[in-house]
C-alpha atoms as a PDB file:
ATOM      1  CA  UNK A   1     114.585  67.231 177.689  1.00  0.00           C
ATOM      2  CA  UNK A   2     116.188  65.444 174.761  1.00  0.00           C
ATOM      3  CA  UNK A   3     119.898  66.391 174.449  1.00  0.00           C
ATOM      4  CA  UNK A   4     120.916  68.377 171.341  1.00  0.00           C
ATOM      5  CA  UNK A   5     122.638  66.424 168.588  1.00  0.00           C
ATOM      6  CA  UNK A   6     125.360  68.958 167.746  1.00  0.00           C
ATOM      7  CA  UNK A   7     126.863  66.766 165.050  1.00  0.00           C
ATOM      8  CA  UNK A   8     123.567  66.503 163.153  1.00  0.00           C
ATOM      9  CA  UNK A   9     122.798  70.208 163.635  1.00  0.00           C
ATOM     10  CA  UNK A  10     126.201  71.266 162.311  1.00  0.00           C
ATOM     11  CA  UNK A  11     125.796  68.932 159.337  1.00  0.00           C
ATOM     12  CA  UNK A  12     122.432  70.514 158.402  1.00  0.00           C
ATOM     13  CA  UNK A  13     123.808  74.050 158.773  1.00  0.00           C
ATOM     14  CA  UNK A  14     126.764  73.161 156.543  1.00  0.00           C
ATOM     15  CA  UNK A  15     124.414  71.734 153.909  1.00  0.00           C
ATOM     16  CA  UNK A  16     122.207  74.856 154.005  1.00  0.00           C
ATOM     17  CA  UNK A  17     125.148  77.252 153.765  1.00  0.00           C
ATOM     18  CA  UNK A  18     126.576  75.279 150.851  1.00  0.00           C
ATOM     19  CA  UNK A  19     123.290  75.506 148.907  1.00  0.00           C
ATOM     20  CA  UNK A  20     122.990  79.216 149.687  1.00  0.00           C
ATOM     21  CA  UNK A  21     126.546  79.875 148.475  1.00  0.00           C
ATOM     22  CA  UNK A  22     125.885  77.936 145.250  1.00  0.00           C
ATOM     23  CA  UNK A  23     122.739  80.013 144.632  1.00  0.00           C
ATOM     24  CA  UNK A  24     124.702  83.235 145.112  1.00  0.00           C
ATOM     25  CA  UNK A  25     127.387  82.061 142.675  1.00  0.00           C
ATOM     26  CA  UNK A  26     124.757  81.081 140.067  1.00  0.00           C
ATOM     27  CA  UNK A  27     122.946  84.444 140.423  1.00  0.00           C
ATOM     28  CA  UNK A  28     126.217  86.352 140.072  1.00  0.00           C
ATOM     29  CA  UNK A  29     127.156  84.328 136.984  1.00  0.00           C
ATOM     30  CA  UNK A  30     123.785  85.036 135.284  1.00  0.00           C
ATOM     31  CA  UNK A  31     124.114  88.750 136.094  1.00  0.00           C
ATOM     32  CA  UNK A  32     127.639  88.840 134.645  1.00  0.00           C
ATOM     33  CA  UNK A  33     126.575  87.008 131.485  1.00  0.00           C
ATOM     34  CA  UNK A  34     123.722  89.503 130.974  1.00  0.00           C
ATOM     35  CA  UNK A  35     126.079  92.472 131.269  1.00  0.00           C
ATOM     36  CA  UNK A  36     128.695  90.866 129.036  1.00  0.00           C
ATOM     37  CA  UNK A  37     126.539  89.418 126.252  1.00  0.00           C
ATOM     38  CA  UNK A  38     123.727  91.941 125.687  1.00  0.00           C
ATOM     39  CA  UNK A  39     126.075  94.786 124.572  1.00  0.00           C
ATOM     40  CA  UNK A  40     127.779  92.376 122.171  1.00  0.00           C
ATOM     41  CA  UNK A  41     124.443  91.237 120.738  1.00  0.00           C
ATOM     42  CA  UNK A  42     123.398  94.873 120.426  1.00  0.00           C
ATOM     43  CA  UNK A  43     126.548  95.639 118.436  1.00  0.00           C
ATOM     44  CA  UNK A  44     125.885  92.666 116.154  1.00  0.00           C
ATOM     45  CA  UNK A  45     122.317  93.848 115.483  1.00  0.00           C
ATOM     46  CA  UNK A  46     123.531  97.398 114.840  1.00  0.00           C
ATOM     47  CA  UNK A  47     126.124  96.112 112.356  1.00  0.00           C
ATOM     48  CA  UNK A  48     123.441  94.098 110.558  1.00  0.00           C
ATOM     49  CA  UNK A  49     121.218  97.195 110.394  1.00  0.00           C
ATOM     50  CA  UNK A  50     124.112  99.294 109.058  1.00  0.00           C
ATOM     51  CA  UNK A  51     124.858  96.703 106.364  1.00  0.00           C
ATOM     52  CA  UNK A  52     121.201  96.727 105.318  1.00  0.00           C
ATOM     53  CA  UNK A  53     121.248 100.526 105.095  1.00  0.00           C
ATOM     54  CA  UNK A  54     124.440 100.407 102.992  1.00  0.00           C
ATOM     55  CA  UNK A  55     122.827  97.865 100.643  1.00  0.00           C
ATOM     56  CA  UNK A  56     119.679 100.010 100.389  1.00  0.00           C
ATOM     57  CA  UNK A  57     121.714 103.139  99.666  1.00  0.00           C
ATOM     58  CA  UNK A  58     123.671 101.309  96.965  1.00  0.00           C
ATOM     59  CA  UNK A  59     120.482 100.063  95.279  1.00  0.00           C
ATOM     60  CA  UNK A  60     118.901 103.527  95.559  1.00  0.00           C
ATOM     61  CA  UNK A  61     121.785 105.163  93.685  1.00  0.00           C
ATOM     62  CA  UNK A  62     120.398 104.197  90.265  1.00  0.00           C
ATOM     63  CA  UNK A  63     116.952 105.657  90.986  1.00  0.00           C
ATOM     64  CA  UNK A  64     118.536 108.766  92.508  1.00  0.00           C
ATOM     65  CA  UNK A  65     120.766 109.216  89.445  1.00  0.00           C
ATOM     66  CA  UNK A  66     117.759 109.019  87.119  1.00  0.00           C
ATOM     67  CA  UNK A  67     116.057 111.828  89.045  1.00  0.00           C
ATOM     68  CA  UNK A  68     119.251 113.894  89.019  1.00  0.00           C
ATOM     69  CA  UNK A  69     119.514 113.504  85.246  1.00  0.00           C
ATOM     70  CA  UNK A  70     115.983 114.881  84.829  1.00  0.00           C
ATOM     71  CA  UNK A  71     116.774 117.788  87.162  1.00  0.00           C
ATOM     72  CA  UNK A  72     119.760 118.632  84.971  1.00  0.00           C
ATOM     73  CA  UNK A  73     117.667 118.771  81.811  1.00  0.00           C
ATOM     74  CA  UNK A  74     117.659 115.210  80.442  1.00  0.00           C
ATOM     75  CA  UNK A  75     114.528 114.428  78.365  1.00  0.00           C
ATOM     76  CA  UNK A  76     111.637 112.799  80.203  1.00  0.00           C
ATOM     77  CA  UNK A  77     110.653 109.873  77.949  1.00  0.00           C
ATOM     78  CA  UNK A  78     108.225 106.966  78.241  1.00  0.00           C
ATOM     79  CA  UNK A  79     111.224 104.623  78.459  1.00  0.00           C
ATOM     80  CA  UNK A  80     112.593 106.653  81.380  1.00  0.00           C
ATOM     81  CA  UNK A  81     109.255 106.395  83.214  1.00  0.00           C
ATOM     82  CA  UNK A  82     108.973 102.625  82.733  1.00  0.00           C
ATOM     83  CA  UNK A  83     112.545 102.048  83.926  1.00  0.00           C
ATOM     84  CA  UNK A  84     112.112 104.363  86.913  1.00  0.00           C
ATOM     85  CA  UNK A  85     108.914 102.687  88.195  1.00  0.00           C
ATOM     86  CA  UNK A  86     110.411  99.224  87.623  1.00  0.00           C
ATOM     87  CA  UNK A  87     113.435 100.182  89.759  1.00  0.00           C
ATOM     88  CA  UNK A  88     111.165 101.542  92.504  1.00  0.00           C
ATOM     89  CA  UNK A  89     109.104  98.321  92.553  1.00  0.00           C
ATOM     90  CA  UNK A  90     112.305  96.247  92.751  1.00  0.00           C
ATOM     91  CA  UNK A  91     113.405  98.310  95.765  1.00  0.00           C
ATOM     92  CA  UNK A  92     110.095  97.622  97.501  1.00  0.00           C
ATOM     93  CA  UNK A  93     110.513  93.895  96.965  1.00  0.00           C
ATOM     94  CA  UNK A  94     114.082  93.857  98.281  1.00  0.00           C
ATOM     95  CA  UNK A  95     113.492  96.231 101.227  1.00  0.00           C
ATOM     96  CA  UNK A  96     109.907  95.682 102.453  1.00  0.00           C
ATOM     97  CA  UNK A  97     110.140  97.703 105.690  1.00  0.00           C
ATOM     98  CA  UNK A  98     107.448 100.431 105.730  1.00  0.00           C
ATOM     99  CA  UNK A  99     109.828 103.375 106.124  1.00  0.00           C
ATOM    100  CA  UNK A 100     112.069 102.133 103.303  1.00  0.00           C
ATOM    101  CA  UNK A 101     108.964 101.957 101.122  1.00  0.00           C
ATOM    102  CA  UNK A 102     107.993 105.489 102.213  1.00  0.00           C
ATOM    103  CA  UNK A 103     111.208 106.699 100.594  1.00  0.00           C
ATOM    104  CA  UNK A 104     110.505 105.028  97.249  1.00  0.00           C
ATOM    105  CA  UNK A 105     106.898 106.284  97.359  1.00  0.00           C
ATOM    106  CA  UNK A 106     108.306 109.823  97.725  1.00  0.00           C
ATOM    107  CA  UNK A 107     110.454 109.166  94.655  1.00  0.00           C
ATOM    108  CA  UNK A 108     107.410 107.917  92.741  1.00  0.00           C
ATOM    109  CA  UNK A 109     105.515 111.070  93.671  1.00  0.00           C
ATOM    110  CA  UNK A 110     108.418 113.183  92.446  1.00  0.00           C
ATOM    111  CA  UNK A 111     108.424 111.350  89.103  1.00  0.00           C
ATOM    112  CA  UNK A 112     104.674 111.926  88.784  1.00  0.00           C
ATOM    113  CA  UNK A 113     105.154 115.652  89.460  1.00  0.00           C
ATOM    114  CA  UNK A 114     107.827 115.764  86.737  1.00  0.00           C
ATOM    115  CA  UNK A 115     105.435 114.176  84.249  1.00  0.00           C
ATOM    116  CA  UNK A 116     102.715 116.684  85.147  1.00  0.00           C
ATOM    117  CA  UNK A 117     105.153 119.594  84.748  1.00  0.00           C
ATOM    118  CA  UNK A 118     106.266 118.282  81.357  1.00  0.00           C
ATOM    119  CA  UNK A 119     102.681 118.062  80.096  1.00  0.00           C
ATOM    120  CA  UNK A 120     101.946 121.557  81.443  1.00  0.00           C
ATOM    121  CA  UNK A 121     105.169 122.916  79.937  1.00  0.00           C
ATOM    122  CA  UNK A 122     106.062 124.692  83.204  1.00  0.00           C
ATOM    123  CA  UNK A 123     109.729 124.178  84.093  1.00  0.00           C
ATOM    124  CA  UNK A 124     109.470 126.333  87.244  1.00  0.00           C
ATOM    125  CA  UNK A 125     106.850 123.978  88.681  1.00  0.00           C
ATOM    126  CA  UNK A 126     109.135 121.040  87.906  1.00  0.00           C
ATOM    127  CA  UNK A 127     112.016 122.628  89.813  1.00  0.00           C
ATOM    128  CA  UNK A 128     109.835 123.573  92.781  1.00  0.00           C
ATOM    129  CA  UNK A 129     108.413 120.062  93.051  1.00  0.00           C
ATOM    130  CA  UNK A 130     111.915 118.647  92.781  1.00  0.00           C
ATOM    131  CA  UNK A 131     113.100 120.599  95.789  1.00  0.00           C
ATOM    132  CA  UNK A 132     109.997 119.799  97.834  1.00  0.00           C
ATOM    133  CA  UNK A 133     109.788 116.063  97.193  1.00  0.00           C
ATOM    134  CA  UNK A 134     113.539 115.490  97.414  1.00  0.00           C
ATOM    135  CA  UNK A 135     113.457 116.912 100.940  1.00  0.00           C
ATOM    136  CA  UNK A 136     110.620 114.535 101.810  1.00  0.00           C
ATOM    137  CA  UNK A 137     112.553 111.598 100.362  1.00  0.00           C
ATOM    138  CA  UNK A 138     115.690 112.474 102.347  1.00  0.00           C
ATOM    139  CA  UNK A 139     113.636 112.783 105.538  1.00  0.00           C
ATOM    140  CA  UNK A 140     112.005 109.387 104.937  1.00  0.00           C
ATOM    141  CA  UNK A 141     115.414 107.795 104.333  1.00  0.00           C
ATOM    142  CA  UNK A 142     116.726 109.211 107.623  1.00  0.00           C
ATOM    143  CA  UNK A 143     113.664 107.972 109.499  1.00  0.00           C
ATOM    144  CA  UNK A 144     114.154 104.543 107.943  1.00  0.00           C
ATOM    145  CA  UNK A 145     117.746 104.416 109.191  1.00  0.00           C
ATOM    146  CA  UNK A 146     116.763 105.454 112.715  1.00  0.00           C
ATOM    147  CA  UNK A 147     113.814 103.055 112.825  1.00  0.00           C
ATOM    148  CA  UNK A 148     115.915 100.129 111.589  1.00  0.00           C
ATOM    149  CA  UNK A 149     118.469 100.646 114.360  1.00  0.00           C
ATOM    150  CA  UNK A 150     115.715 101.145 116.950  1.00  0.00           C
ATOM    151  CA  UNK A 151     113.903  97.980 115.905  1.00  0.00           C
ATOM    152  CA  UNK A 152     117.063  95.915 116.233  1.00  0.00           C
ATOM    153  CA  UNK A 153     117.776  97.311 119.721  1.00  0.00           C
ATOM    154  CA  UNK A 154     114.209  96.510 120.773  1.00  0.00           C
ATOM    155  CA  UNK A 155     114.635  92.927 119.578  1.00  0.00           C
ATOM    156  CA  UNK A 156     117.828  92.525 121.627  1.00  0.00           C
ATOM    157  CA  UNK A 157     116.217  93.968 124.763  1.00  0.00           C
ATOM    158  CA  UNK A 158     113.283  91.557 124.381  1.00  0.00           C
ATOM    159  CA  UNK A 159     115.521  88.511 123.786  1.00  0.00           C
ATOM    160  CA  UNK A 160     115.531  85.771 126.473  1.00  0.00           C
ATOM    161  CA  UNK A 161     118.078  86.398 129.246  1.00  0.00           C
ATOM    162  CA  UNK A 162     120.987  84.021 129.807  1.00  0.00           C
ATOM    163  CA  UNK A 163     119.856  80.795 131.422  1.00  0.00           C
ATOM    164  CA  UNK A 164     116.255  81.016 130.193  1.00  0.00           C
ATOM    165  CA  UNK A 165     115.110  77.744 128.587  1.00  0.00           C
ATOM    166  CA  UNK A 166     114.229  77.922 124.881  1.00  0.00           C
ATOM    167  CA  UNK A 167     110.574  77.467 123.892  1.00  0.00           C
ATOM    168  CA  UNK A 168     109.742  73.799 123.658  1.00  0.00           C
ATOM    169  CA  UNK A 169     106.967  73.781 121.110  1.00  0.00           C
ATOM    170  CA  UNK A 170     105.513  75.999 118.390  1.00  0.00           C
ATOM    171  CA  UNK A 171     102.403  77.991 119.272  1.00  0.00           C
ATOM    172  CA  UNK A 172      99.368  75.926 118.408  1.00  0.00           C
ATOM    173  CA  UNK A 173      97.440  77.004 115.365  1.00  0.00           C
ATOM    174  CA  UNK A 174      98.455  80.658 114.808  1.00  0.00           C
ATOM    175  CA  UNK A 175      96.058  82.433 112.453  1.00  0.00           C
ATOM    176  CA  UNK A 176      95.703  85.810 110.758  1.00  0.00           C
ATOM    177  CA  UNK A 177      92.300  86.992 111.932  1.00  0.00           C
ATOM    178  CA  UNK A 178      89.687  88.640 109.698  1.00  0.00           C
ATOM    179  CA  UNK A 179      89.889  92.415 109.553  1.00  0.00           C
ATOM    180  CA  UNK A 180      89.890  95.508 107.349  1.00  0.00           C
ATOM    181  CA  UNK A 181      93.040  96.870 105.683  1.00  0.00           C
ATOM    182  CA  UNK A 182      93.351 100.230 104.023  1.00  0.00           C
ATOM    183  CA  UNK A 183      92.224 102.494 102.572  1.00  0.00           C
ATOM    184  CA  UNK A 184      95.065 102.446 100.039  1.00  0.00           C
ATOM    185  CA  UNK A 185      95.094 105.766  98.158  1.00  0.00           C
ATOM    186  CA  UNK A 186      96.789 106.027  94.749  1.00  0.00           C
ATOM    187  CA  UNK A 187      99.478 108.596  93.929  1.00  0.00           C
ATOM    188  CA  UNK A 188      98.903 110.912  90.961  1.00  0.00           C
ATOM    189  CA  UNK A 189     101.075 109.876  88.020  1.00  0.00           C
ATOM    190  CA  UNK A 190      99.660 112.151  85.327  1.00  0.00           C
ATOM    191  CA  UNK A 191      96.668 114.349  84.604  1.00  0.00           C
ATOM    192  CA  UNK A 192      94.572 116.770  86.652  1.00  0.00           C
ATOM    193  CA  UNK A 193      93.423 114.425  89.409  1.00  0.00           C
ATOM    194  CA  UNK A 194      89.769 114.563  88.349  1.00  0.00           C
ATOM    195  CA  UNK A 195      87.947 112.200  85.979  1.00  0.00           C
ATOM    196  CA  UNK A 196      84.824 114.306  85.527  1.00  0.00           C
ATOM    197  CA  UNK A 197      82.493 112.445  83.190  1.00  0.00           C
ATOM    198  CA  UNK A 198      85.320 110.228  81.943  1.00  0.00           C
ATOM    199  CA  UNK A 199      85.127 106.623  83.036  1.00  0.00           C
ATOM    200  CA  UNK A 200      88.408 105.371  84.561  1.00  0.00           C
ATOM    201  CA  UNK A 201      89.671 101.835  84.176  1.00  0.00           C
ATOM    202  CA  UNK A 202      90.233 100.112  87.530  1.00  0.00           C
ATOM    203  CA  UNK A 203      92.991  97.545  88.011  1.00  0.00           C
ATOM    204  CA  UNK A 204      93.562  96.053  91.467  1.00  0.00           C
ATOM    205  CA  UNK A 205      95.236  92.961  92.861  1.00  0.00           C
ATOM    206  CA  UNK A 206      95.947  91.415  96.269  1.00  0.00           C
ATOM    207  CA  UNK A 207      98.399  88.659  97.145  1.00  0.00           C
ATOM    208  CA  UNK A 208      99.991  87.166 100.251  1.00  0.00           C
ATOM    209  CA  UNK A 209     103.726  86.532 100.538  1.00  0.00           C
ATOM    210  CA  UNK A 210     106.223  85.238 103.089  1.00  0.00           C
ATOM    211  CA  UNK A 211     109.215  87.574 103.459  1.00  0.00           C
ATOM    212  CA  UNK A 212     112.496  86.233 104.875  1.00  0.00           C
ATOM    213  CA  UNK A 213     110.644  83.358 106.588  1.00  0.00           C
ATOM    214  CA  UNK A 214     109.582  85.800 109.317  1.00  0.00           C
ATOM    215  CA  UNK A 215     106.746  88.001 108.045  1.00  0.00           C
ATOM    216  CA  UNK A 216     103.512  87.596 106.133  1.00  0.00           C
ATOM    217  CA  UNK A 217     102.895  90.572 103.849  1.00  0.00           C
ATOM    218  CA  UNK A 218      99.748  91.576 101.997  1.00  0.00           C
ATOM    219  CA  UNK A 219     100.863  92.930  98.606  1.00  0.00           C
ATOM    220  CA  UNK A 220      98.399  95.492  97.190  1.00  0.00           C
ATOM    221  CA  UNK A 221      98.294  97.105  93.745  1.00  0.00           C
ATOM    222  CA  UNK A 222      95.663  99.686  92.803  1.00  0.00           C
ATOM    223  CA  UNK A 223      95.540 101.688  89.574  1.00  0.00           C
ATOM    224  CA  UNK A 224      92.787 103.965  88.362  1.00  0.00           C
ATOM    225  CA  UNK A 225      92.471 106.094  85.232  1.00  0.00           C
ATOM    226  CA  UNK A 226      94.199 105.628  81.898  1.00  0.00           C
ATOM    227  CA  UNK A 227      94.735 107.445  78.615  1.00  0.00           C
ATOM    228  CA  UNK A 228      91.011 107.876  77.925  1.00  0.00           C
ATOM    229  CA  UNK A 229      90.269 109.155  81.435  1.00  0.00           C
ATOM    230  CA  UNK A 230      92.793 112.015  81.328  1.00  0.00           C
ATOM    231  CA  UNK A 231      94.266 111.116  84.727  1.00  0.00           C
ATOM    232  CA  UNK A 232      96.356 108.163  85.906  1.00  0.00           C
ATOM    233  CA  UNK A 233      97.103 107.222  89.522  1.00  0.00           C
ATOM    234  CA  UNK A 234      98.428 104.096  91.164  1.00  0.00           C
ATOM    235  CA  UNK A 235      99.859 102.707  94.386  1.00  0.00           C
ATOM    236  CA  UNK A 236     101.939  99.638  95.167  1.00  0.00           C
ATOM    237  CA  UNK A 237     102.153  98.799  98.850  1.00  0.00           C
ATOM    238  CA  UNK A 238     102.989  95.960 101.219  1.00  0.00           C
ATOM    239  CA  UNK A 239     101.189  95.636 104.547  1.00  0.00           C
ATOM    240  CA  UNK A 240     102.651  93.448 107.295  1.00  0.00           C
ATOM    241  CA  UNK A 241      99.874  91.292 108.749  1.00  0.00           C
ATOM    242  CA  UNK A 242     101.775  88.657 110.767  1.00  0.00           C
ATOM    243  CA  UNK A 243     105.231  88.204 112.346  1.00  0.00           C
ATOM    244  CA  UNK A 244     106.575  84.866 113.582  1.00  0.00           C
ATOM    245  CA  UNK A 245     107.465  84.643 117.301  1.00  0.00           C
ATOM    246  CA  UNK A 246     111.171  84.455 118.299  1.00  0.00           C
ATOM    247  CA  UNK A 247     112.741  81.087 117.547  1.00  0.00           C
ATOM    248  CA  UNK A 248     110.345  80.134 114.740  1.00  0.00           C
ATOM    249  CA  UNK A 249     110.060  80.596 111.004  1.00  0.00           C
ATOM    250  CA  UNK A 250     107.033  80.560 108.730  1.00  0.00           C
ATOM    251  CA  UNK A 251     106.820  77.351 106.706  1.00  0.00           C
ATOM    252  CA  UNK A 252     103.563  77.972 104.850  1.00  0.00           C
ATOM    253  CA  UNK A 253     100.090  79.498 104.677  1.00  0.00           C
ATOM    254  CA  UNK A 254      96.626  78.063 104.171  1.00  0.00           C
ATOM    255  CA  UNK A 255      96.235  80.283 101.073  1.00  0.00           C
ATOM    256  CA  UNK A 256      98.367  80.280  97.904  1.00  0.00           C
ATOM    257  CA  UNK A 257     101.511  82.401  98.310  1.00  0.00           C
ATOM    258  CA  UNK A 258     102.443  85.057  95.708  1.00  0.00           C
ATOM    259  CA  UNK A 259      99.284  84.330  93.719  1.00  0.00           C
ATOM    260  CA  UNK A 260      97.571  87.649  92.944  1.00  0.00           C
ATOM    261  CA  UNK A 261      93.771  87.848  92.893  1.00  0.00           C
ATOM    262  CA  UNK A 262      92.807  90.570  90.398  1.00  0.00           C
ATOM    263  CA  UNK A 263      89.843  92.680  89.392  1.00  0.00           C
ATOM    264  CA  UNK A 264      89.585  94.826  86.272  1.00  0.00           C
ATOM    265  CA  UNK A 265      86.601  96.900  85.153  1.00  0.00           C
ATOM    266  CA  UNK A 266      85.459 100.303  83.869  1.00  0.00           C
ATOM    267  CA  UNK A 267      83.998 102.475  86.640  1.00  0.00           C
ATOM    268  CA  UNK A 268      80.834 103.987  85.165  1.00  0.00           C
ATOM    269  CA  UNK A 269      79.381 105.441  88.382  1.00  0.00           C
ATOM    270  CA  UNK A 270      80.530 107.724  91.210  1.00  0.00           C
ATOM    271  CA  UNK A 271      79.563 105.280  93.957  1.00  0.00           C
ATOM    272  CA  UNK A 272      81.758 102.653  95.602  1.00  0.00           C
ATOM    273  CA  UNK A 273      81.917  99.139  94.111  1.00  0.00           C
ATOM    274  CA  UNK A 274      82.305  95.912  96.102  1.00  0.00           C
ATOM    275  CA  UNK A 275      83.781  92.625  94.855  1.00  0.00           C
ATOM    276  CA  UNK A 276      84.129  89.301  96.676  1.00  0.00           C
ATOM    277  CA  UNK A 277      87.215  87.413  95.472  1.00  0.00           C
ATOM    278  CA  UNK A 278      89.340  84.336  96.254  1.00  0.00           C
ATOM    279  CA  UNK A 279      86.311  82.113  96.976  1.00  0.00           C
ATOM    280  CA  UNK A 280      85.020  84.442  99.663  1.00  0.00           C
ATOM    281  CA  UNK A 281      88.392  85.019 101.368  1.00  0.00           C
ATOM    282  CA  UNK A 282      88.317  88.788 100.763  1.00  0.00           C
ATOM    283  CA  UNK A 283      86.027  91.632  99.791  1.00  0.00           C
ATOM    284  CA  UNK A 284      87.438  94.614  97.873  1.00  0.00           C
ATOM    285  CA  UNK A 285      85.704  97.987  98.120  1.00  0.00           C
ATOM    286  CA  UNK A 286      86.769 100.371  95.359  1.00  0.00           C
ATOM    287  CA  UNK A 287      86.191 104.109  95.075  1.00  0.00           C
ATOM    288  CA  UNK A 288      87.342 105.011  91.566  1.00  0.00           C
ATOM    289  CA  UNK A 289      85.325 107.787  90.008  1.00  0.00           C
ATOM    290  CA  UNK A 290      83.993 110.050  92.790  1.00  0.00           C
ATOM    291  CA  UNK A 291      81.696 113.125  92.781  1.00  0.00           C
ATOM    292  CA  UNK A 292      84.584 115.501  93.654  1.00  0.00           C
ATOM    293  CA  UNK A 293      88.366 115.395  93.483  1.00  0.00           C
ATOM    294  CA  UNK A 294      89.452 111.865  92.610  1.00  0.00           C
ATOM    295  CA  UNK A 295      93.230 111.791  93.124  1.00  0.00           C
ATOM    296  CA  UNK A 296      95.317 113.923  95.478  1.00  0.00           C
ATOM    297  CA  UNK A 297      95.700 114.681  99.174  1.00  0.00           C
ATOM    298  CA  UNK A 298      91.931 115.004  99.671  1.00  0.00           C
ATOM    299  CA  UNK A 299      90.888 112.831  96.722  1.00  0.00           C
ATOM    300  CA  UNK A 300      88.278 110.137  97.164  1.00  0.00           C
ATOM    301  CA  UNK A 301      89.850 107.318  95.109  1.00  0.00           C
ATOM    302  CA  UNK A 302      90.781 104.441  97.420  1.00  0.00           C
ATOM    303  CA  UNK A 303      90.870 100.661  97.797  1.00  0.00           C
ATOM    304  CA  UNK A 304      89.852  98.910 101.042  1.00  0.00           C
ATOM    305  CA  UNK A 305      90.305  95.198 101.699  1.00  0.00           C
ATOM    306  CA  UNK A 306      88.222  93.182 104.147  1.00  0.00           C
ATOM    307  CA  UNK A 307      89.686  89.794 105.060  1.00  0.00           C
ATOM    308  CA  UNK A 308      86.603  87.670 105.776  1.00  0.00           C
ATOM    309  CA  UNK A 309      88.170  84.296 106.621  1.00  0.00           C
ATOM    310  CA  UNK A 310      91.141  83.480 108.892  1.00  0.00           C
ATOM    311  CA  UNK A 311      94.445  82.467 107.291  1.00  0.00           C
ATOM    312  CA  UNK A 312      96.300  79.663 109.059  1.00  0.00           C
ATOM    313  CA  UNK A 313     100.077  80.028 109.510  1.00  0.00           C
ATOM    314  CA  UNK A 314     102.381  77.001 109.670  1.00  0.00           C
ATOM    315  CA  UNK A 315     105.429  77.498 111.918  1.00  0.00           C
ATOM    316  CA  UNK A 316     108.686  75.565 112.280  1.00  0.00           C
ATOM    317  CA  UNK A 317     111.458  75.869 114.857  1.00  0.00           C
ATOM    318  CA  UNK A 318     114.584  77.563 113.499  1.00  0.00           C
END
């Protein structure tokens, strides 16, 4: 039997134990870094969310004051309406998160109810609608605050752990796939909500925009009615259709950004109308004048958008 080489055996055991101890130290260090850094990152994200909420509340004060003035008896003029809707649209552009926009849509609905009450000459209806819609607006604002904080916490939890290597290359050829978006239903601004035999004027537009280098939004505008139709309704909405992966920003799209494609026509029938726009990129299906109720909770007026071709997204590392 070959004699044991104790010197060599001890040397190998020492080498093994040294590697094992180094692995334990490295594992402990990664665990400590995770416990130490994630709460700090969470606090940073919460502070950013709180600052955004403070900025939103500050910008909302003007719109809120305009509604309060009307509640207290100020005259409801055409100038007031134009200024109010302009402020609401500016809020949507500055704060594009869906629940933020739900708040401003509640404010738009309240303004439309005021205009209806003024035309009907019924102050009690105006007060009742004020109480109802203001409660909805406050609820939407609270949900927006909770969702903003929750989204930031989710991002932190999904962030790469300490020691994980950063992504080495951008995903190859990300695209926004064809699909159907909508229906987008307009909010009643004035009138009874029914066109009857009147022929409403349809105005609609669609555009794509990059928001904060992170999101691709589909901006939609749909208006139906007008002075001759006896009813006016419209909706302005942004739909998120792509979000860049962590560590990357959106550098461009294969379609023109912030270039609205529009349609405008008089709806002379009660059937849906279909239009292909943007060189075949999209198809718009419009329900303007319908056989029953046109505008309202169960109204048939709506705009649907079918994206027929993929949109390529260009990414860059941050």
